[in-house]
Amino acid sequence: MTKHVIDTPKKRAEGARARHFAEIVRQTGAAGPHATTLALQRRAKGAYRPGLRAAAFARIERGLEA
């Protein structure tokens, strides 16, 4: 008896993300990423405040959009 379609694992292209990343690195050359993008990647995210997110969802649910 064979497995059901849902019981089989997904076939993913595991190397696709790494391949795309390597292609970008090859295109940018030895200089690497631009200084602006590096600054954005290294920027602090700030304090984690889940209450603000919940308040925003509640506001949208009530129909009050920005």
Protein backbone atom coordinates (compact mmCIF):
# COMPACT_ATOMS: atom_id res chain seq x y z
CA MET A 1 0.00 0.00 0.00
CA THR A 2 1.39 3.41 -0.91
CA LYS A 3 1.35 6.54 1.19
CA HIS A 4 -1.30 9.17 0.75
CA VAL A 5 -0.31 12.27 -1.20
CA ILE A 6 -0.45 14.40 1.95
CA ASP A 7 1.83 12.01 3.85
CA THR A 8 4.76 12.44 1.48
CA PRO A 9 7.37 15.10 2.27
CA LYS A 10 7.57 18.21 0.11
CA LYS A 11 10.33 18.33 -2.43
CA ARG A 12 12.04 21.66 -2.06
CA ALA A 13 14.90 23.20 -3.89
CA GLU A 14 17.04 23.52 -0.77
CA GLY A 15 19.98 25.00 -2.61
CA ALA A 16 17.94 27.59 -4.50
CA ARG A 17 18.28 30.30 -1.87
CA ALA A 18 22.01 29.75 -1.51
CA ARG A 19 22.42 29.64 -5.28
CA HIS A 20 20.65 33.00 -5.69
CA PHE A 21 22.72 34.50 -2.88
CA ALA A 22 25.95 33.25 -4.47
CA GLU A 23 24.90 34.75 -7.80
CA ILE A 24 24.37 38.15 -6.18
CA VAL A 25 27.78 37.94 -4.52
CA ARG A 26 29.36 37.08 -7.87
CA GLN A 27 27.65 40.05 -9.53
CA THR A 28 28.75 42.54 -6.88
CA GLY A 29 32.34 41.36 -7.12
CA ALA A 30 35.07 41.63 -4.51
CA ALA A 31 33.79 45.00 -3.31
CA GLY A 32 30.91 43.25 -1.59
CA PRO A 33 27.54 44.80 -0.81
CA HIS A 34 27.00 48.53 -0.88
CA ALA A 35 27.71 50.42 2.34
CA THR A 36 24.08 51.55 2.58
CA THR A 37 22.74 48.00 2.57
CA LEU A 38 25.29 46.95 5.17
CA ALA A 39 24.19 49.83 7.40
CA LEU A 40 20.56 48.73 7.10
CA GLN A 41 21.44 45.14 7.93
CA ARG A 42 23.39 46.14 11.03
CA ARG A 43 20.85 48.68 12.29
CA ALA A 44 19.35 47.95 15.69
CA LYS A 45 15.72 46.85 15.50
CA GLY A 46 14.66 48.58 18.68
CA ALA A 47 12.77 47.30 21.67
CA TYR A 48 10.31 44.45 21.21
CA ARG A 49 6.86 45.74 22.10
CA PRO A 50 4.16 43.20 21.21
CA GLY A 51 1.45 45.39 22.73
CA LEU A 52 1.77 47.90 19.91
CA ARG A 53 1.28 45.20 17.32
CA ALA A 54 -1.77 43.83 19.12
CA ALA A 55 -3.21 47.35 19.38
CA ALA A 56 -2.69 47.88 15.66
CA PHE A 57 -4.47 44.63 14.83
CA ALA A 58 -7.35 45.53 17.16
CA ARG A 59 -7.64 48.98 15.59
CA ILE A 60 -7.83 47.47 12.10
CA GLU A 61 -10.37 44.89 13.30
CA ARG A 62 -12.59 47.69 14.62
CA GLY A 63 -12.43 49.32 11.19
CA LEU A 64 -10.22 52.25 12.11
CA GLU A 65 -7.61 52.42 9.38
CA ALA A 66 -4.84 54.99 9.24
